[in-house]
Protein backbone atom coordinates (compact mmCIF):
# COMPACT_ATOMS: atom_id res chain seq x y z
CA UNK A 1 11.54 -73.53 -30.34
CA UNK A 2 15.34 -73.85 -30.15
CA UNK A 3 18.00 -72.63 -27.82
CA UNK A 4 19.33 -70.25 -30.66
CA UNK A 5 16.18 -68.52 -31.25
CA UNK A 6 15.29 -68.52 -27.61
CA UNK A 7 18.73 -66.49 -27.46
CA UNK A 8 17.55 -63.73 -29.90
CA UNK A 9 14.42 -63.10 -28.11
CA UNK A 10 15.97 -62.84 -24.67
CA UNK A 11 18.63 -60.42 -25.36
CA UNK A 12 15.31 -58.37 -27.48
CA UNK A 13 13.79 -58.44 -24.64
CA UNK A 14 16.76 -57.18 -22.71
CA UNK A 15 17.56 -53.96 -25.39
CA UNK A 16 13.77 -53.10 -24.92
CA UNK A 17 13.63 -52.91 -21.20
CA UNK A 18 16.61 -51.31 -20.68
CA UNK A 19 15.86 -48.99 -23.16
CA UNK A 20 12.50 -47.93 -21.52
CA UNK A 21 14.44 -48.16 -17.99
CA UNK A 22 16.98 -44.90 -19.81
CA UNK A 23 13.47 -43.44 -20.67
CA UNK A 24 11.90 -43.38 -18.07
CA UNK A 25 14.89 -42.09 -15.63
CA UNK A 26 15.37 -39.64 -18.18
CA UNK A 27 12.19 -37.87 -17.57
CA UNK A 28 11.36 -38.96 -21.20
CA UNK A 29 8.58 -41.29 -19.86
CA UNK A 30 6.01 -39.55 -17.42
CA UNK A 31 4.75 -42.00 -14.90
CA UNK A 32 1.44 -41.76 -12.91
CA UNK A 33 0.77 -38.43 -14.64
CA UNK A 34 -2.05 -37.70 -16.72
CA UNK A 35 -1.37 -36.69 -20.43
CA UNK A 36 -1.90 -33.02 -20.27
CA UNK A 37 0.41 -32.08 -17.05
CA UNK A 38 -0.91 -28.91 -15.71
CA UNK A 39 1.97 -28.47 -13.57
CA UNK A 40 3.03 -24.29 -13.85
CA UNK A 41 5.86 -23.79 -16.00
CA UNK A 42 7.93 -20.89 -18.07
CA UNK A 43 8.37 -17.73 -17.65
CA UNK A 44 6.44 -15.22 -15.58
CA UNK A 45 7.03 -11.25 -15.97
CA UNK A 46 6.62 -8.94 -12.89
CA UNK A 47 6.13 -5.23 -13.28
CA UNK A 48 6.69 -3.62 -9.73
CA UNK A 49 7.26 -0.08 -7.91
CA UNK A 50 9.75 -1.85 -5.54
CA UNK A 51 13.64 -1.33 -6.27
CA UNK A 52 15.01 -3.98 -8.41
CA UNK A 53 17.21 -4.16 -5.87
CA UNK A 54 14.84 -4.85 -2.56
CA UNK A 55 13.48 -8.23 -4.83
CA UNK A 56 16.41 -9.47 -6.75
CA UNK A 57 17.03 -12.53 -3.40
CA UNK A 58 13.81 -12.87 -2.68
CA UNK A 59 12.99 -13.70 -6.39
CA UNK A 60 16.28 -15.94 -6.80
CA UNK A 61 14.65 -18.37 -3.87
CA UNK A 62 11.19 -18.23 -5.85
CA UNK A 63 12.93 -19.10 -8.89
CA UNK A 64 14.78 -21.83 -6.92
CA UNK A 65 12.24 -23.28 -4.97
CA UNK A 66 9.68 -23.46 -8.29
CA UNK A 67 12.38 -25.10 -10.52
CA UNK A 68 9.94 -25.25 -13.33
CA UNK A 69 9.21 -21.23 -13.06
CA UNK A 70 11.42 -18.56 -14.53
CA UNK A 71 10.86 -15.26 -12.85
CA UNK A 72 12.05 -11.72 -14.00
CA UNK A 73 11.37 -8.23 -12.73
CA UNK A 74 11.04 -4.88 -14.32
CA UNK A 75 11.25 -1.81 -11.99
CA UNK A 76 8.09 0.81 -13.04
CA UNK A 77 7.14 4.21 -12.15
CA UNK A 78 3.86 4.35 -10.33
CA UNK A 79 2.97 7.12 -12.17
CA UNK A 80 3.73 5.38 -15.78
CA UNK A 81 2.31 2.01 -15.19
CA UNK A 82 -1.19 3.15 -16.16
CA UNK A 83 -0.39 4.16 -19.75
CA UNK A 84 2.40 1.51 -19.89
CA UNK A 85 0.60 -1.24 -19.47
CA UNK A 86 -2.14 0.14 -21.91
CA UNK A 87 0.13 0.19 -24.46
CA UNK A 88 1.79 -3.30 -23.62
CA UNK A 89 -2.05 -4.96 -23.55
CA UNK A 90 -2.38 -3.04 -26.76
CA UNK A 91 0.88 -4.05 -28.18
CA UNK A 92 0.68 -8.01 -27.20
CA UNK A 93 3.61 -7.84 -24.85
CA UNK A 94 1.68 -7.14 -21.49
CA UNK A 95 3.49 -8.64 -17.89
CA UNK A 96 2.15 -10.95 -16.21
CA UNK A 97 1.91 -9.43 -12.54
CA UNK A 98 2.16 -6.31 -10.99
CA UNK A 99 3.43 -5.18 -7.48
CA UNK A 100 2.00 -2.15 -6.46
CA UNK A 101 0.52 0.40 -3.99
CA UNK A 102 -3.16 -0.18 -4.10
CA UNK A 103 -4.15 3.09 -5.70
CA UNK A 104 -1.93 2.08 -8.84
CA UNK A 105 -3.62 -1.05 -8.99
CA UNK A 106 -7.18 0.49 -8.65
CA UNK A 107 -6.07 2.52 -11.37
CA UNK A 108 -5.32 0.12 -13.94
CA UNK A 109 -8.23 -2.20 -12.52
CA UNK A 110 -9.61 -2.61 -15.85
CA UNK A 111 -6.86 -4.66 -17.03
CA UNK A 112 -6.23 -6.99 -14.00
CA UNK A 113 -8.13 -9.89 -14.04
CA UNK A 114 -9.94 -10.56 -10.29
CA UNK A 115 -9.71 -13.90 -8.24
CA UNK A 116 -12.84 -15.39 -7.58
CA UNK A 117 -14.28 -16.42 -4.70
CA UNK A 118 -14.34 -19.84 -5.67
CA UNK A 119 -10.78 -20.11 -6.07
CA UNK A 120 -9.83 -18.33 -3.31
CA UNK A 121 -12.72 -18.08 -0.54
CA UNK A 122 -13.72 -14.92 1.27
CA UNK A 123 -12.98 -16.01 4.29
CA UNK A 124 -10.05 -17.14 3.80
CA UNK A 125 -8.58 -13.95 2.35
CA UNK A 126 -10.05 -12.52 5.83
CA UNK A 127 -8.61 -14.69 7.91
CA UNK A 128 -5.15 -14.62 5.93
CA UNK A 129 -4.56 -11.25 5.78
CA UNK A 130 -5.04 -7.63 7.90
CA UNK A 131 -7.86 -5.54 7.79
CA UNK A 132 -6.08 -2.54 5.28
CA UNK A 133 -6.25 -5.33 2.78
CA UNK A 134 -9.87 -6.15 2.79
CA UNK A 135 -9.75 -2.80 -0.06
CA UNK A 136 -8.96 -5.17 -2.44
CA UNK A 137 -12.01 -7.47 -1.76
CA UNK A 138 -14.82 -6.21 -4.83
CA UNK A 139 -17.77 -8.38 -5.81
CA UNK A 140 -16.35 -10.23 -8.39
CA UNK A 141 -13.84 -11.25 -6.60
CA UNK A 142 -9.97 -10.89 -5.19
CA UNK A 143 -8.61 -7.52 -7.40
CA UNK A 144 -5.32 -8.17 -5.71
CA UNK A 145 -3.32 -9.93 -3.00
CA UNK A 146 -1.83 -7.70 -0.13
CA UNK A 147 2.08 -8.14 0.48
CA UNK A 148 3.12 -5.63 3.18
CA UNK A 149 1.39 -2.66 5.17
CA UNK A 150 2.50 0.98 5.01
CA UNK A 151 0.86 3.02 7.47
CA UNK A 152 0.89 6.49 8.24
CA UNK A 153 2.46 7.48 11.25
CA UNK A 154 3.21 10.40 13.50
CA UNK A 155 6.82 11.49 13.47
CA UNK A 156 7.70 13.97 15.95
CA UNK A 157 11.21 16.25 16.59
CA UNK A 158 12.16 14.91 20.40
CA UNK A 159 14.52 18.33 21.01
CA UNK A 160 11.00 20.38 20.48
CA UNK A 161 9.02 18.64 22.40
CA UNK A 162 11.18 18.56 25.13
CA UNK A 163 12.56 22.05 25.35
CA UNK A 164 8.83 23.37 24.95
CA UNK A 165 7.54 20.88 28.43
CA UNK A 166 6.56 17.74 26.84
CA UNK A 167 7.33 14.39 27.44
CA UNK A 168 5.25 12.17 24.48
CA UNK A 169 3.21 13.65 21.59
CA UNK A 170 -0.23 13.27 21.94
CA UNK A 171 -2.59 10.34 21.69
CA UNK A 172 -5.48 12.76 21.14
CA UNK A 173 -6.08 15.14 18.27
CA UNK A 174 -7.29 17.96 20.31
CA UNK A 175 -4.36 17.76 22.80
CA UNK A 176 -2.52 20.00 20.13
CA UNK A 177 -5.14 23.23 21.03
CA UNK A 178 -2.85 22.76 24.49
CA UNK A 179 0.62 22.23 23.08
CA UNK A 180 0.49 25.23 20.35
CA UNK A 181 0.95 27.65 22.73
CA UNK A 182 4.49 26.19 23.97
CA UNK A 183 5.32 25.13 20.57
CA UNK A 184 4.94 27.05 17.57
CA UNK A 185 7.12 30.37 18.18
CA UNK A 186 6.77 33.78 15.67
CA UNK A 187 8.98 36.39 15.22
CA UNK A 188 8.19 40.13 16.49
CA UNK A 189 6.45 40.71 12.74
CA UNK A 190 4.40 37.42 13.18
CA UNK A 191 6.07 34.90 10.78
CA UNK A 192 5.80 31.60 11.87
CA UNK A 193 9.63 30.14 12.99
CA UNK A 194 8.63 27.24 14.38
CA UNK A 195 5.42 24.84 14.23
CA UNK A 196 3.45 22.73 15.51
CA UNK A 197 1.89 20.63 12.30
CA UNK A 198 1.50 21.13 8.79
CA UNK A 199 -2.54 21.15 8.51
CA UNK A 200 -4.58 23.79 6.96
CA UNK A 201 -2.66 23.95 3.57
CA UNK A 202 -1.89 21.56 0.34
CA UNK A 203 0.60 22.30 -1.75
CA UNK A 204 3.42 22.49 1.00
CA UNK A 205 1.79 19.36 2.52
CA UNK A 206 3.38 16.14 1.67
CA UNK A 207 0.56 13.88 2.56
CA UNK A 208 -2.27 16.18 2.64
CA UNK A 209 -4.60 14.09 0.56
CA UNK A 210 -3.64 11.49 3.06
CA UNK A 211 -3.96 12.82 6.45
CA UNK A 212 -7.55 13.91 5.42
CA UNK A 213 -8.38 10.95 4.23
CA UNK A 214 -7.04 9.52 7.40
CA UNK A 215 -9.15 11.86 9.26
CA UNK A 216 -12.37 11.39 7.59
CA UNK A 217 -12.00 7.27 8.14
CA UNK A 218 -10.96 7.59 11.73
CA UNK A 219 -14.71 10.09 12.43
CA UNK A 220 -16.23 6.79 10.48
CA UNK A 221 -16.51 8.23 7.00
CA UNK A 222 -15.82 4.94 4.32
CA UNK A 223 -14.92 7.93 1.69
CA UNK A 224 -15.95 5.69 -1.43
CA UNK A 225 -18.57 2.33 -0.72
CA UNK A 226 -20.81 0.12 -2.36
CA UNK A 227 -24.23 -0.04 -2.90
CA UNK A 228 -25.67 -2.59 -4.70
CA UNK A 229 -22.44 -3.61 -6.43
CA UNK A 230 -21.42 0.01 -7.35
CA UNK A 231 -19.07 2.81 -5.78
CA UNK A 232 -20.00 5.82 -4.46
CA UNK A 233 -18.71 8.77 -3.18
CA UNK A 234 -19.66 9.30 1.04
CA UNK A 235 -17.61 12.33 1.08
CA UNK A 236 -20.85 14.29 2.01
CA UNK A 237 -22.51 11.40 4.20
CA UNK A 238 -22.06 12.54 7.87
CA UNK A 239 -21.84 15.75 9.23
CA UNK A 240 -18.94 14.52 10.96
CA UNK A 241 -16.63 15.15 7.90
CA UNK A 242 -17.22 19.26 8.48
CA UNK A 243 -15.84 18.93 11.56
CA UNK A 244 -12.83 17.12 10.74
CA UNK A 245 -11.74 19.61 7.68
CA UNK A 246 -13.12 22.64 10.48
CA UNK A 247 -9.74 20.47 12.29
CA UNK A 248 -8.04 20.62 9.72
CA UNK A 249 -8.37 23.97 7.84
CA UNK A 250 -8.53 25.90 11.62
CA UNK A 251 -4.29 25.02 11.51
CA UNK A 252 -3.91 28.06 8.95
CA UNK A 253 -6.32 30.16 9.91
CA UNK A 254 -4.58 33.61 11.02
CA UNK A 255 -7.32 34.34 13.21
CA UNK A 256 -8.01 31.16 15.14
CA UNK A 257 -6.16 30.20 18.56
CA UNK A 258 -4.54 27.06 16.51
CA UNK A 259 -2.55 29.33 14.07
CA UNK A 260 0.52 27.58 12.82
CA UNK A 261 0.74 26.43 9.73
CA UNK A 262 0.82 28.89 6.50
CA UNK A 263 0.87 28.91 2.35
CA UNK A 264 4.54 30.72 2.48
CA UNK A 265 6.30 27.98 4.98
CA UNK A 266 8.70 25.75 3.53
CA UNK A 267 7.01 22.03 1.78
CA UNK A 268 6.74 19.95 5.46
CA UNK A 269 8.89 17.25 5.08
CA UNK A 270 11.76 19.50 5.00
CA UNK A 271 10.76 21.99 7.75
CA UNK A 272 11.03 18.67 9.52
CA UNK A 273 14.00 18.06 8.66
CA UNK A 274 15.73 21.28 9.67
CA UNK A 275 14.16 20.71 13.01
CA UNK A 276 11.15 23.77 12.58
CA UNK A 277 8.42 21.36 12.96
CA UNK A 278 7.26 19.31 15.60
CA UNK A 279 5.15 16.74 13.92
CA UNK A 280 5.34 15.19 10.72
CA UNK A 281 1.94 12.84 9.87
CA UNK A 282 4.06 10.39 7.52
CA UNK A 283 4.39 6.78 6.07
CA UNK A 284 6.18 4.09 8.22
CA UNK A 285 8.86 3.66 5.02
CA UNK A 286 9.71 7.02 4.58
CA UNK A 287 11.82 6.96 8.31
CA UNK A 288 14.90 5.31 5.92
CA UNK A 289 14.70 8.69 3.67
CA UNK A 290 13.94 11.02 6.89
CA UNK A 291 17.34 9.34 8.44
CA UNK A 292 19.63 9.65 5.31
CA UNK A 293 18.55 13.21 4.72
CA UNK A 294 19.97 14.48 8.13
CA UNK A 295 21.33 11.76 10.50
CA UNK A 296 21.63 14.21 13.06
CA UNK A 297 17.77 14.97 13.26
CA UNK A 298 16.58 13.63 16.93
CA UNK A 299 13.08 12.09 15.82
CA UNK A 300 10.82 9.14 16.64
CA UNK A 301 7.64 7.50 14.95
CA UNK A 302 4.64 7.03 17.11
CA UNK A 303 1.26 6.22 16.55
CA UNK A 304 -1.31 8.55 14.93
CA UNK A 305 -3.56 10.29 17.08
CA UNK A 306 -7.10 9.56 17.07
CA UNK A 307 -10.54 11.75 17.56
CA UNK A 308 -11.46 11.76 21.32
CA UNK A 309 -14.74 9.01 21.43
CA UNK A 310 -13.70 6.91 19.16
CA UNK A 311 -13.88 3.54 20.56
CA UNK A 312 -11.59 1.80 17.39
CA UNK A 313 -8.35 3.46 16.43
CA UNK A 314 -7.94 3.73 12.62
CA UNK A 315 -4.51 4.80 10.39
CA UNK A 316 -4.53 5.14 7.22
CA UNK A 317 -2.15 2.45 5.21
CA UNK A 318 -0.79 1.73 2.12
CA UNK A 319 -0.97 -2.03 0.68
CA UNK A 320 1.32 -3.27 -1.50
CA UNK A 321 -0.09 -5.62 -3.44
CA UNK A 322 0.25 -8.42 -5.96
CA UNK A 323 -2.28 -8.50 -9.05
CA UNK A 324 -2.87 -10.90 -11.94
CA UNK A 325 -3.17 -9.27 -15.65
CA UNK A 326 -6.10 -10.05 -18.08
CA UNK A 327 -3.59 -10.07 -20.94
CA UNK A 328 -1.03 -12.48 -18.97
CA UNK A 329 1.13 -14.95 -21.12
CA UNK A 330 1.51 -17.67 -18.56
CA UNK A 331 -1.73 -16.92 -16.35
CA UNK A 332 -1.01 -20.46 -14.41
CA UNK A 333 2.72 -19.83 -13.82
CA UNK A 334 1.68 -16.13 -12.64
CA UNK A 335 -1.14 -17.05 -10.13
CA UNK A 336 1.53 -19.55 -8.22
CA UNK A 337 4.05 -16.80 -8.08
CA UNK A 338 1.29 -13.84 -7.02
CA UNK A 339 0.26 -16.88 -4.11
CA UNK A 340 3.87 -17.02 -2.93
CA UNK A 341 4.67 -13.81 -3.36
CA UNK A 342 1.53 -12.98 -0.69
CA UNK A 343 2.58 -16.13 1.08
CA UNK A 344 4.04 -16.39 4.76
CA UNK A 345 7.27 -17.39 3.71
CA UNK A 346 7.90 -14.38 0.69
CA UNK A 347 5.91 -11.91 2.55
CA UNK A 348 7.54 -12.06 5.55
CA UNK A 349 11.09 -12.01 3.91
CA UNK A 350 9.92 -8.69 1.59
CA UNK A 351 8.48 -7.32 4.63
CA UNK A 352 11.94 -7.80 6.45
CA UNK A 353 13.89 -5.96 3.22
CA UNK A 354 11.52 -3.14 3.35
CA UNK A 355 11.45 -2.80 7.06
CA UNK A 356 7.87 -2.86 6.82
CA UNK A 357 5.01 -5.12 8.64
CA UNK A 358 3.67 -7.91 6.10
CA UNK A 359 0.12 -8.24 5.29
CA UNK A 360 -0.84 -11.36 6.74
CA UNK A 361 -1.75 -12.43 10.22
CA UNK A 362 0.57 -15.69 10.79
CA UNK A 363 3.39 -13.56 10.27
CA UNK A 364 2.48 -10.90 13.44
CA UNK A 365 4.29 -12.93 16.44
CA UNK A 366 7.33 -13.17 14.27
CA UNK A 367 10.68 -11.41 15.39
CA UNK A 368 10.89 -7.94 13.18
CA UNK A 369 14.23 -6.75 11.92
CA UNK A 370 12.84 -3.16 11.94
CA UNK A 371 14.01 -0.54 14.77
CA UNK A 372 10.85 0.61 15.19
CA UNK A 373 9.27 -2.91 14.07
CA UNK A 374 6.09 -2.91 16.64
CA UNK A 375 5.35 0.76 16.15
CA UNK A 376 4.51 0.09 12.48
CA UNK A 377 2.92 -3.66 13.28
CA UNK A 378 0.62 -2.34 15.66
CA UNK A 379 -0.57 0.92 13.08
CA UNK A 380 -0.46 -2.22 10.49
CA UNK A 381 -3.05 -3.83 12.32
CA UNK A 382 -5.14 -0.53 12.96
CA UNK A 383 -4.25 0.59 9.41
CA UNK A 384 -7.61 0.90 6.68
CA UNK A 385 -7.70 1.78 3.24
CA UNK A 386 -10.10 3.07 0.57
CA UNK A 387 -11.01 2.82 -3.19
CA UNK A 388 -9.25 5.55 -4.99
CA UNK A 389 -9.77 5.25 -8.40
CA UNK A 390 -7.29 7.91 -9.95
CA UNK A 391 -5.00 9.33 -7.31
CA UNK A 392 -4.05 12.32 -9.45
CA UNK A 393 -7.75 13.15 -9.97
CA UNK A 394 -8.81 12.54 -6.53
CA UNK A 395 -5.50 14.67 -5.23
CA UNK A 396 -7.30 17.69 -7.14
CA UNK A 397 -10.22 17.26 -6.12
CA UNK A 398 -9.18 16.98 -2.58
CA UNK A 399 -6.84 20.05 -2.96
CA UNK A 400 -9.39 22.12 -4.51
CA UNK A 401 -11.61 21.78 -1.34
CA UNK A 402 -9.48 22.90 1.19
CA UNK A 403 -8.03 25.90 -1.82
CA UNK A 404 -11.91 26.80 -2.05
CA UNK A 405 -12.23 27.21 2.10
CA UNK A 406 -8.85 28.72 2.71
CA UNK A 407 -9.70 31.47 -0.30
CA UNK A 408 -13.10 31.63 0.96
CA UNK A 409 -14.78 30.62 -1.95
CA UNK A 410 -16.74 28.11 -0.81
CA UNK A 411 -17.93 27.09 2.88
CA UNK A 412 -16.46 24.30 4.65
CA UNK A 413 -20.08 22.08 4.02
CA UNK A 414 -20.33 23.90 0.07
CA UNK A 415 -16.58 22.61 -0.78
CA UNK A 416 -17.75 19.42 0.78
CA UNK A 417 -20.15 18.30 -1.78
CA UNK A 418 -18.46 19.87 -4.90
CA UNK A 419 -16.14 17.51 -3.64
CA UNK A 420 -18.51 14.72 -3.33
CA UNK A 421 -19.84 15.31 -6.42
CA UNK A 422 -16.78 15.72 -8.28
CA UNK A 423 -15.30 12.18 -6.73
CA UNK A 424 -19.38 10.46 -7.58
CA UNK A 425 -18.43 11.25 -10.95
CA UNK A 426 -14.78 10.42 -11.47
CA UNK A 427 -16.29 6.85 -10.01
CA UNK A 428 -18.67 6.34 -12.69
CA UNK A 429 -16.52 6.85 -15.55
């Protein structure tokens, strides 16, 4: 071979090598990867009940950290998510992820894809999340991953307690019996002008169902339990439920010595805001609304009182969860985003933004930005939830139970039995 031909061959080899290098460094040629790269990528759409502003910074960070995934958030009304998701699923434009409280997620459970325990072991879930989040554990897998916890707490008017001779709110429910004579005030006609606590009614008690559920959970009644993979009502399973209902309704019985509330009074939260109510059971997240509506109200949150003699304190808690829809257009990328949102970094960041505890155990020792962060955290740690299949339907069941007792239509046991029948019917649908 002469030198001229040899030079031509070298030039050709050099050109081919240069082209290969350009393709390699541009990413056109993947080295060390399979022909089918499984790295999650593409767009992911989240529907959620949180305000858009509370998630904007967090989603920006997720988009920057994932690089290959673009996440979009659409704020939705919790009351319309079931119908909106049904329409979107039928129309072929379902979101990938739902971010909502547990009672909203349960209402759309037929449209949610559970994560099997082979992919995320149940033991790892229990190690990672607080007990309130275990309401998302089902026989077939994980319905949703917990993100934040909003526990039921006991707001109290500090001025009312001080002028009545009390320095602290009660820790035990029956302490209210002693406090009532000094706190509840009536005028000459018997009209209540200052109330102890908004118990006994339903329509003017902002969280009546949640309060009743908390009392039942404290008494040991799970409200809904699972037997052989089937969910059933346990409302009528213990005599303690009757004690709970009797306790609740006694405060609106005019002939009771703890009479402190009636249906003619304004709604409970409004009454608390004008300083005419000593105790208001509400969720931790409400503290900001209360402050905004009346900056001059001298109040503070306390832990929800407990039933005397119970060994383990309990309060009700709403759990914000993140779940994958069955019709998710991009399930692989959505699953990655779901794990990020419920992970330590982003769950903690969202919790700080909302002023609520993260649902993760590994965030417990981290500093909180909330004024009452430690109290909310302690309440979150004892928080429990229950499988509420349809929040509107169960609200009506609980409401009718209380109304039938108050109007003399049913005895306490009869009303509980009827509520139990109705809840079992609802669960079987």
